[in-house]
């Protein structure tokens, strides 16, 4: 399987709506490792590592978000895969 690493910046109504916890739950279902955190400017930042196909599903999910989120921009940066994470967690 092809492994990938994607670094994302998500803009919209993404704080205070359960966005990070929903991303963590979806990542765990898709066996994606990495992290997600709120930024001080109102965006959310995330790093996903794992199988390419599952990361693509994860990006599609992030572009929609959970029920109360409203996403208007997702910046996706391709990075070299590094097997640095063994789980997905929320950074504070």
PDB file of N, CA and C in Angstrom:
ATOM      1  N   UNK A   1       0.821  -1.190   0.000  1.00  0.00           N
ATOM      2  CA  UNK A   1       0.000   0.000   0.000  1.00  0.00           C
ATOM      3  C   UNK A   1       0.867   1.257   0.000  1.00  0.00           C
ATOM      4  N   UNK A   2       0.410   2.249  -0.689  1.00  0.00           N
ATOM      5  CA  UNK A   2       1.115   3.520  -0.771  1.00  0.00           C
ATOM      6  C   UNK A   2       0.830   4.332   0.493  1.00  0.00           C
ATOM      7  N   UNK A   3       1.885   4.786   1.143  1.00  0.00           N
ATOM      8  CA  UNK A   3       1.758   5.602   2.350  1.00  0.00           C
ATOM      9  C   UNK A   3       1.916   7.076   1.984  1.00  0.00           C
ATOM     10  N   UNK A   4       1.249   7.943   2.730  1.00  0.00           N
ATOM     11  CA  UNK A   4       1.288   9.375   2.448  1.00  0.00           C
ATOM     12  C   UNK A   4       1.257  10.158   3.740  1.00  0.00           C
ATOM     13  N   UNK A   5       1.638  11.443   3.601  1.00  0.00           N
ATOM     14  CA  UNK A   5       1.565  12.389   4.721  1.00  0.00           C
ATOM     15  C   UNK A   5       1.026  13.698   4.171  1.00  0.00           C
ATOM     16  N   UNK A   6      -0.056  14.183   4.750  1.00  0.00           N
ATOM     17  CA  UNK A   6      -0.689  15.429   4.317  1.00  0.00           C
ATOM     18  C   UNK A   6      -0.812  16.368   5.521  1.00  0.00           C
ATOM     19  N   UNK A   7      -0.498  17.636   5.258  1.00  0.00           N
ATOM     20  CA  UNK A   7      -0.582  18.675   6.283  1.00  0.00           C
ATOM     21  C   UNK A   7      -1.696  19.624   5.850  1.00  0.00           C
ATOM     22  N   UNK A   8      -2.689  19.822   6.703  1.00  0.00           N
ATOM     23  CA  UNK A   8      -3.870  20.598   6.326  1.00  0.00           C
ATOM     24  C   UNK A   8      -4.077  21.808   7.221  1.00  0.00           C
ATOM     25  N   UNK A   9      -4.615  22.850   6.602  1.00  0.00           N
ATOM     26  CA  UNK A   9      -5.114  24.026   7.316  1.00  0.00           C
ATOM     27  C   UNK A   9      -6.561  24.199   6.889  1.00  0.00           C
ATOM     28  N   UNK A  10      -7.480  24.150   7.860  1.00  0.00           N
ATOM     29  CA  UNK A  10      -8.909  24.173   7.578  1.00  0.00           C
ATOM     30  C   UNK A  10      -9.483  25.491   8.086  1.00  0.00           C
ATOM     31  N   UNK A  11     -10.209  26.191   7.201  1.00  0.00           N
ATOM     32  CA  UNK A  11     -10.800  27.479   7.552  1.00  0.00           C
ATOM     33  C   UNK A  11     -12.313  27.404   7.484  1.00  0.00           C
ATOM     34  N   UNK A  12     -12.959  28.152   8.359  1.00  0.00           N
ATOM     35  CA  UNK A  12     -14.411  28.216   8.414  1.00  0.00           C
ATOM     36  C   UNK A  12     -14.857  28.216   9.861  1.00  0.00           C
ATOM     37  N   UNK A  13     -16.076  27.794  10.089  1.00  0.00           N
ATOM     38  CA  UNK A  13     -16.557  27.641  11.470  1.00  0.00           C
ATOM     39  C   UNK A  13     -16.139  26.253  11.922  1.00  0.00           C
ATOM     40  N   UNK A  14     -14.934  26.182  12.492  1.00  0.00           N
ATOM     41  CA  UNK A  14     -14.338  24.891  12.831  1.00  0.00           C
ATOM     42  C   UNK A  14     -13.941  24.783  14.304  1.00  0.00           C
ATOM     43  N   UNK A  15     -14.144  25.836  15.064  1.00  0.00           N
ATOM     44  CA  UNK A  15     -13.858  25.777  16.499  1.00  0.00           C
ATOM     45  C   UNK A  15     -15.147  25.908  17.281  1.00  0.00           C
ATOM     46  N   UNK A  16     -15.264  25.086  18.335  1.00  0.00           N
ATOM     47  CA  UNK A  16     -16.471  25.118  19.159  1.00  0.00           C
ATOM     48  C   UNK A  16     -17.632  24.331  18.594  1.00  0.00           C
ATOM     49  N   UNK A  17     -17.367  23.490  17.608  1.00  0.00           N
ATOM     50  CA  UNK A  17     -18.439  22.714  16.967  1.00  0.00           C
ATOM     51  C   UNK A  17     -18.159  21.207  16.972  1.00  0.00           C
ATOM     52  N   UNK A  18     -17.178  20.768  17.781  1.00  0.00           N
ATOM     53  CA  UNK A  18     -16.842  19.350  17.843  1.00  0.00           C
ATOM     54  C   UNK A  18     -15.999  18.873  16.671  1.00  0.00           C
ATOM     55  N   UNK A  19     -15.362  19.808  15.974  1.00  0.00           N
ATOM     56  CA  UNK A  19     -14.608  19.456  14.774  1.00  0.00           C
ATOM     57  C   UNK A  19     -13.440  18.523  15.081  1.00  0.00           C
ATOM     58  N   UNK A  20     -12.608  18.890  16.060  1.00  0.00           N
ATOM     59  CA  UNK A  20     -11.425  18.067  16.346  1.00  0.00           C
ATOM     60  C   UNK A  20     -11.786  16.656  16.789  1.00  0.00           C
ATOM     61  N   UNK A  21     -12.774  16.535  17.661  1.00  0.00           N
ATOM     62  CA  UNK A  21     -13.142  15.195  18.129  1.00  0.00           C
ATOM     63  C   UNK A  21     -13.738  14.361  16.999  1.00  0.00           C
ATOM     64  N   UNK A  22     -14.488  14.983  16.101  1.00  0.00           N
ATOM     65  CA  UNK A  22     -15.046  14.226  14.977  1.00  0.00           C
ATOM     66  C   UNK A  22     -13.942  13.794  14.012  1.00  0.00           C
ATOM     67  N   UNK A  23     -12.942  14.646  13.822  1.00  0.00           N
ATOM     68  CA  UNK A  23     -11.797  14.286  12.976  1.00  0.00           C
ATOM     69  C   UNK A  23     -11.035  13.116  13.605  1.00  0.00           C
ATOM     70  N   UNK A  24     -10.845  13.163  14.919  1.00  0.00           N
ATOM     71  CA  UNK A  24     -10.150  12.069  15.600  1.00  0.00           C
ATOM     72  C   UNK A  24     -10.914  10.751  15.453  1.00  0.00           C
ATOM     73  N   UNK A  25     -12.226  10.782  15.620  1.00  0.00           N
ATOM     74  CA  UNK A  25     -13.032   9.568  15.483  1.00  0.00           C
ATOM     75  C   UNK A  25     -12.934   8.999  14.064  1.00  0.00           C
ATOM     76  N   UNK A  26     -13.035   9.866  13.063  1.00  0.00           N
ATOM     77  CA  UNK A  26     -12.950   9.424  11.669  1.00  0.00           C
ATOM     78  C   UNK A  26     -11.556   8.878  11.365  1.00  0.00           C
ATOM     79  N   UNK A  27     -10.523   9.550  11.856  1.00  0.00           N
ATOM     80  CA  UNK A  27      -9.150   9.087  11.638  1.00  0.00           C
ATOM     81  C   UNK A  27      -8.945   7.701  12.241  1.00  0.00           C
ATOM     82  N   UNK A  28      -9.479   7.483  13.427  1.00  0.00           N
ATOM     83  CA  UNK A  28      -9.346   6.169  14.057  1.00  0.00           C
ATOM     84  C   UNK A  28     -10.049   5.090  13.235  1.00  0.00           C
ATOM     85  N   UNK A  29     -11.214   5.403  12.688  1.00  0.00           N
ATOM     86  CA  UNK A  29     -11.936   4.433  11.849  1.00  0.00           C
ATOM     87  C   UNK A  29     -11.147   4.100  10.579  1.00  0.00           C
ATOM     88  N   UNK A  30     -10.461   5.107  10.028  1.00  0.00           N
ATOM     89  CA  UNK A  30      -9.706   4.914   8.783  1.00  0.00           C
ATOM     90  C   UNK A  30      -8.256   4.494   9.022  1.00  0.00           C
ATOM     91  N   UNK A  31      -7.895   4.279  10.290  1.00  0.00           N
ATOM     92  CA  UNK A  31      -6.524   3.870  10.652  1.00  0.00           C
ATOM     93  C   UNK A  31      -5.482   4.890  10.182  1.00  0.00           C
ATOM     94  N   UNK A  32      -5.817   6.161  10.400  1.00  0.00           N
ATOM     95  CA  UNK A  32      -4.910   7.263  10.084  1.00  0.00           C
ATOM     96  C   UNK A  32      -4.266   7.740  11.374  1.00  0.00           C
ATOM     97  N   UNK A  33      -2.974   8.000  11.328  1.00  0.00           N
ATOM     98  CA  UNK A  33      -2.242   8.532  12.470  1.00  0.00           C
ATOM     99  C   UNK A  33      -1.956  10.009  12.246  1.00  0.00           C
ATOM    100  N   UNK A  34      -1.590  10.707  13.318  1.00  0.00           N
ATOM    101  CA  UNK A  34      -1.253  12.115  13.216  1.00  0.00           C
ATOM    102  C   UNK A  34      -1.894  12.905  14.331  1.00  0.00           C
ATOM    103  N   UNK A  35      -2.304  14.130  14.014  1.00  0.00           N
ATOM    104  CA  UNK A  35      -2.876  15.005  15.030  1.00  0.00           C
ATOM    105  C   UNK A  35      -3.732  16.104  14.415  1.00  0.00           C
ATOM    106  N   UNK A  36      -4.505  16.762  15.279  1.00  0.00           N
ATOM    107  CA  UNK A  36      -5.343  17.906  14.892  1.00  0.00           C
ATOM    108  C   UNK A  36      -5.314  18.893  16.055  1.00  0.00           C
ATOM    109  N   UNK A  37      -5.311  20.209  15.734  1.00  0.00           N
ATOM    110  CA  UNK A  37      -5.333  21.215  16.799  1.00  0.00           C
ATOM    111  C   UNK A  37      -5.953  22.509  16.307  1.00  0.00           C
ATOM    112  N   UNK A  38      -6.497  23.275  17.253  1.00  0.00           N
ATOM    113  CA  UNK A  38      -6.997  24.611  16.971  1.00  0.00           C
ATOM    114  C   UNK A  38      -5.831  25.578  16.873  1.00  0.00           C
ATOM    115  N   UNK A  39      -5.944  26.554  15.989  1.00  0.00           N
ATOM    116  CA  UNK A  39      -4.966  27.631  15.896  1.00  0.00           C
ATOM    117  C   UNK A  39      -5.575  28.909  16.451  1.00  0.00           C
ATOM    118  N   UNK A  40      -4.732  29.809  16.896  1.00  0.00           N
ATOM    119  CA  UNK A  40      -5.217  31.057  17.498  1.00  0.00           C
ATOM    120  C   UNK A  40      -5.958  31.948  16.516  1.00  0.00           C
ATOM    121  N   UNK A  41      -5.729  31.770  15.217  1.00  0.00           N
ATOM    122  CA  UNK A  41      -6.407  32.614  14.218  1.00  0.00           C
ATOM    123  C   UNK A  41      -7.769  32.064  13.803  1.00  0.00           C
ATOM    124  N   UNK A  42      -8.241  31.001  14.465  1.00  0.00           N
ATOM    125  CA  UNK A  42      -9.561  30.448  14.181  1.00  0.00           C
ATOM    126  C   UNK A  42      -9.561  29.252  13.247  1.00  0.00           C
ATOM    127  N   UNK A  43      -8.418  28.959  12.629  1.00  0.00           N
ATOM    128  CA  UNK A  43      -8.325  27.790  11.760  1.00  0.00           C
ATOM    129  C   UNK A  43      -8.031  26.541  12.593  1.00  0.00           C
ATOM    130  N   UNK A  44      -8.093  25.394  11.927  1.00  0.00           N
ATOM    131  CA  UNK A  44      -7.672  24.131  12.507  1.00  0.00           C
ATOM    132  C   UNK A  44      -6.547  23.601  11.634  1.00  0.00           C
ATOM    133  N   UNK A  45      -5.519  23.059  12.277  1.00  0.00           N
ATOM    134  CA  UNK A  45      -4.377  22.465  11.587  1.00  0.00           C
ATOM    135  C   UNK A  45      -4.386  20.968  11.862  1.00  0.00           C
ATOM    136  N   UNK A  46      -4.011  20.171  10.867  1.00  0.00           N
ATOM    137  CA  UNK A  46      -3.981  18.718  11.042  1.00  0.00           C
ATOM    138  C   UNK A  46      -2.866  18.108  10.201  1.00  0.00           C
ATOM    139  N   UNK A  47      -2.350  16.983  10.688  1.00  0.00           N
ATOM    140  CA  UNK A  47      -1.404  16.169   9.924  1.00  0.00           C
ATOM    141  C   UNK A  47      -1.964  14.756   9.894  1.00  0.00           C
ATOM    142  N   UNK A  48      -2.080  14.205   8.686  1.00  0.00           N
ATOM    143  CA  UNK A  48      -2.575  12.841   8.495  1.00  0.00           C
ATOM    144  C   UNK A  48      -1.474  11.997   7.880  1.00  0.00           C
ATOM    145  N   UNK A  49      -1.223  10.824   8.446  1.00  0.00           N
ATOM    146  CA  UNK A  49      -0.297   9.870   7.849  1.00  0.00           C
ATOM    147  C   UNK A  49      -0.984   8.511   7.779  1.00  0.00           C
ATOM    148  N   UNK A  50      -0.667   7.769   6.726  1.00  0.00           N
ATOM    149  CA  UNK A  50      -1.258   6.450   6.569  1.00  0.00           C
ATOM    150  C   UNK A  50      -1.413   6.084   5.109  1.00  0.00           C
ATOM    151  N   UNK A  51      -2.335   5.187   4.839  1.00  0.00           N
ATOM    152  CA  UNK A  51      -2.569   4.753   3.464  1.00  0.00           C
ATOM    153  C   UNK A  51      -3.180   5.893   2.657  1.00  0.00           C
ATOM    154  N   UNK A  52      -2.650   6.089   1.463  1.00  0.00           N
ATOM    155  CA  UNK A  52      -3.062   7.191   0.598  1.00  0.00           C
ATOM    156  C   UNK A  52      -4.571   7.241   0.412  1.00  0.00           C
ATOM    157  N   UNK A  53      -5.190   6.102   0.091  1.00  0.00           N
ATOM    158  CA  UNK A  53      -6.638   6.072  -0.162  1.00  0.00           C
ATOM    159  C   UNK A  53      -7.439   6.511   1.056  1.00  0.00           C
ATOM    160  N   UNK A  54      -7.003   6.105   2.244  1.00  0.00           N
ATOM    161  CA  UNK A  54      -7.715   6.495   3.468  1.00  0.00           C
ATOM    162  C   UNK A  54      -7.533   7.979   3.766  1.00  0.00           C
ATOM    163  N   UNK A  55      -6.350   8.505   3.464  1.00  0.00           N
ATOM    164  CA  UNK A  55      -6.134   9.940   3.668  1.00  0.00           C
ATOM    165  C   UNK A  55      -7.017  10.743   2.715  1.00  0.00           C
ATOM    166  N   UNK A  56      -7.182  10.279   1.489  1.00  0.00           N
ATOM    167  CA  UNK A  56      -8.074  10.969   0.554  1.00  0.00           C
ATOM    168  C   UNK A  56      -9.507  10.976   1.075  1.00  0.00           C
ATOM    169  N   UNK A  57      -9.958   9.867   1.684  1.00  0.00           N
ATOM    170  CA  UNK A  57     -11.287   9.817   2.305  1.00  0.00           C
ATOM    171  C   UNK A  57     -11.365  10.803   3.469  1.00  0.00           C
ATOM    172  N   UNK A  58     -10.285  10.903   4.221  1.00  0.00           N
ATOM    173  CA  UNK A  58     -10.241  11.804   5.364  1.00  0.00           C
ATOM    174  C   UNK A  58     -10.332  13.255   4.908  1.00  0.00           C
ATOM    175  N   UNK A  59      -9.634  13.598   3.834  1.00  0.00           N
ATOM    176  CA  UNK A  59      -9.679  14.965   3.307  1.00  0.00           C
ATOM    177  C   UNK A  59     -11.098  15.296   2.837  1.00  0.00           C
ATOM    178  N   UNK A  60     -11.735  14.345   2.189  1.00  0.00           N
ATOM    179  CA  UNK A  60     -13.123  14.556   1.751  1.00  0.00           C
ATOM    180  C   UNK A  60     -14.023  14.818   2.964  1.00  0.00           C
ATOM    181  N   UNK A  61     -13.817  14.080   4.040  1.00  0.00           N
ATOM    182  CA  UNK A  61     -14.594  14.279   5.259  1.00  0.00           C
ATOM    183  C   UNK A  61     -14.340  15.667   5.851  1.00  0.00           C
ATOM    184  N   UNK A  62     -13.070  16.060   5.918  1.00  0.00           N
ATOM    185  CA  UNK A  62     -12.698  17.356   6.504  1.00  0.00           C
ATOM    186  C   UNK A  62     -13.327  18.509   5.721  1.00  0.00           C
ATOM    187  N   UNK A  63     -13.425  18.360   4.414  1.00  0.00           N
ATOM    188  CA  UNK A  63     -14.008  19.427   3.594  1.00  0.00           C
ATOM    189  C   UNK A  63     -15.492  19.623   3.887  1.00  0.00           C
ATOM    190  N   UNK A  64     -16.135  18.600   4.428  1.00  0.00           N
ATOM    191  CA  UNK A  64     -17.550  18.698   4.812  1.00  0.00           C
ATOM    192  C   UNK A  64     -17.668  19.030   6.295  1.00  0.00           C
ATOM    193  N   UNK A  65     -16.917  18.306   7.135  1.00  0.00           N
ATOM    194  CA  UNK A  65     -16.941  18.519   8.577  1.00  0.00           C
ATOM    195  C   UNK A  65     -18.175  17.952   9.235  1.00  0.00           C
ATOM    196  N   UNK A  66     -18.228  18.027  10.576  1.00  0.00           N
ATOM    197  CA  UNK A  66     -19.414  17.561  11.294  1.00  0.00           C
ATOM    198  C   UNK A  66     -20.563  18.547  11.125  1.00  0.00           C
ATOM    199  N   UNK A  67     -21.729  18.200  11.626  1.00  0.00           N
ATOM    200  CA  UNK A  67     -22.960  18.947  11.414  1.00  0.00           C
ATOM    201  C   UNK A  67     -22.925  20.459  11.584  1.00  0.00           C
ATOM    202  N   UNK A  68     -22.318  20.949  12.659  1.00  0.00           N
ATOM    203  CA  UNK A  68     -22.358  22.386  12.925  1.00  0.00           C
ATOM    204  C   UNK A  68     -21.179  23.144  12.318  1.00  0.00           C
ATOM    205  N   UNK A  69     -20.260  22.447  11.696  1.00  0.00           N
ATOM    206  CA  UNK A  69     -19.111  23.103  11.065  1.00  0.00           C
ATOM    207  C   UNK A  69     -19.527  23.678   9.715  1.00  0.00           C
ATOM    208  N   UNK A  70     -18.791  24.674   9.297  1.00  0.00           N
ATOM    209  CA  UNK A  70     -18.997  25.276   7.981  1.00  0.00           C
ATOM    210  C   UNK A  70     -17.611  25.559   7.394  1.00  0.00           C
ATOM    211  N   UNK A  71     -17.192  24.750   6.451  1.00  0.00           N
ATOM    212  CA  UNK A  71     -15.843  24.823   5.900  1.00  0.00           C
ATOM    213  C   UNK A  71     -15.863  25.645   4.617  1.00  0.00           C
ATOM    214  N   UNK A  72     -14.954  26.603   4.503  1.00  0.00           N
ATOM    215  CA  UNK A  72     -14.879  27.340   3.242  1.00  0.00           C
ATOM    216  C   UNK A  72     -13.520  27.247   2.572  1.00  0.00           C
ATOM    217  N   UNK A  73     -12.506  26.712   3.242  1.00  0.00           N
ATOM    218  CA  UNK A  73     -11.220  26.513   2.571  1.00  0.00           C
ATOM    219  C   UNK A  73     -10.419  25.439   3.290  1.00  0.00           C
ATOM    220  N   UNK A  74      -9.820  24.553   2.507  1.00  0.00           N
ATOM    221  CA  UNK A  74      -8.907  23.544   3.044  1.00  0.00           C
ATOM    222  C   UNK A  74      -7.639  23.584   2.212  1.00  0.00           C
ATOM    223  N   UNK A  75      -6.541  23.953   2.857  1.00  0.00           N
ATOM    224  CA  UNK A  75      -5.239  23.936   2.202  1.00  0.00           C
ATOM    225  C   UNK A  75      -4.586  22.600   2.510  1.00  0.00           C
ATOM    226  N   UNK A  76      -4.194  21.870   1.468  1.00  0.00           N
ATOM    227  CA  UNK A  76      -3.578  20.555   1.633  1.00  0.00           C
ATOM    228  C   UNK A  76      -2.148  20.620   1.107  1.00  0.00           C
ATOM    229  N   UNK A  77      -1.204  20.301   1.960  1.00  0.00           N
ATOM    230  CA  UNK A  77       0.212  20.301   1.599  1.00  0.00           C
ATOM    231  C   UNK A  77       0.716  18.863   1.627  1.00  0.00           C
ATOM    232  N   UNK A  78       1.243  18.400   0.498  1.00  0.00           N
ATOM    233  CA  UNK A  78       1.829  17.067   0.431  1.00  0.00           C
ATOM    234  C   UNK A  78       3.212  17.107   1.063  1.00  0.00           C
ATOM    235  N   UNK A  79       3.491  16.151   1.932  1.00  0.00           N
ATOM    236  CA  UNK A  79       4.798  16.057   2.575  1.00  0.00           C
ATOM    237  C   UNK A  79       5.313  14.633   2.437  1.00  0.00           C
ATOM    238  N   UNK A  80       6.604  14.459   2.640  1.00  0.00           N
ATOM    239  CA  UNK A  80       7.193  13.122   2.586  1.00  0.00           C
ATOM    240  C   UNK A  80       6.699  12.296   3.765  1.00  0.00           C
ATOM    241  N   UNK A  81       6.339  11.051   3.496  1.00  0.00           N
ATOM    242  CA  UNK A  81       5.858  10.161   4.548  1.00  0.00           C
ATOM    243  C   UNK A  81       6.982   9.850   5.522  1.00  0.00           C
ATOM    244  N   UNK A  82       6.680  10.020   6.794  1.00  0.00           N
ATOM    245  CA  UNK A  82       7.574   9.619   7.880  1.00  0.00           C
ATOM    246  C   UNK A  82       6.715   8.817   8.841  1.00  0.00           C
ATOM    247  N   UNK A  83       7.167   7.652   9.202  1.00  0.00           N
ATOM    248  CA  UNK A  83       6.396   6.800  10.118  1.00  0.00           C
ATOM    249  C   UNK A  83       6.644   7.254  11.554  1.00  0.00           C
ATOM    250  N   UNK A  84       6.148   8.463  11.881  1.00  0.00           N
ATOM    251  CA  UNK A  84       6.469   9.076  13.172  1.00  0.00           C
ATOM    252  C   UNK A  84       5.361   8.960  14.212  1.00  0.00           C
ATOM    253  N   UNK A  85       4.152   8.606  13.804  1.00  0.00           N
ATOM    254  CA  UNK A  85       3.021   8.538  14.730  1.00  0.00           C
ATOM    255  C   UNK A  85       2.511   7.110  14.834  1.00  0.00           C
ATOM    256  N   UNK A  86       2.047   6.745  16.031  1.00  0.00           N
ATOM    257  CA  UNK A  86       1.449   5.418  16.193  1.00  0.00           C
ATOM    258  C   UNK A  86      -0.024   5.487  16.568  1.00  0.00           C
ATOM    259  N   UNK A  87      -0.569   6.725  16.566  1.00  0.00           N
ATOM    260  CA  UNK A  87      -2.003   6.912  16.831  1.00  0.00           C
ATOM    261  C   UNK A  87      -2.382   8.304  16.330  1.00  0.00           C
ATOM    262  N   UNK A  88      -3.671   8.640  16.455  1.00  0.00           N
ATOM    263  CA  UNK A  88      -4.150   9.977  16.106  1.00  0.00           C
ATOM    264  C   UNK A  88      -4.590  10.651  17.396  1.00  0.00           C
ATOM    265  N   UNK A  89      -4.155  11.893  17.612  1.00  0.00           N
ATOM    266  CA  UNK A  89      -4.514  12.579  18.842  1.00  0.00           C
ATOM    267  C   UNK A  89      -4.834  14.056  18.593  1.00  0.00           C
ATOM    268  N   UNK A  90      -5.496  14.625  19.576  1.00  0.00           N
ATOM    269  CA  UNK A  90      -5.821  16.057  19.563  1.00  0.00           C
ATOM    270  C   UNK A  90      -4.720  16.767  20.334  1.00  0.00           C
ATOM    271  N   UNK A  91      -4.123  17.776  19.699  1.00  0.00           N
ATOM    272  CA  UNK A  91      -3.115  18.606  20.369  1.00  0.00           C
ATOM    273  C   UNK A  91      -3.807  19.803  21.004  1.00  0.00           C
ATOM    274  N   UNK A  92      -3.323  20.187  22.174  1.00  0.00           N
ATOM    275  CA  UNK A  92      -3.862  21.363  22.864  1.00  0.00           C
ATOM    276  C   UNK A  92      -2.796  22.403  23.031  1.00  0.00           C
TER     277      UNK A  92
END
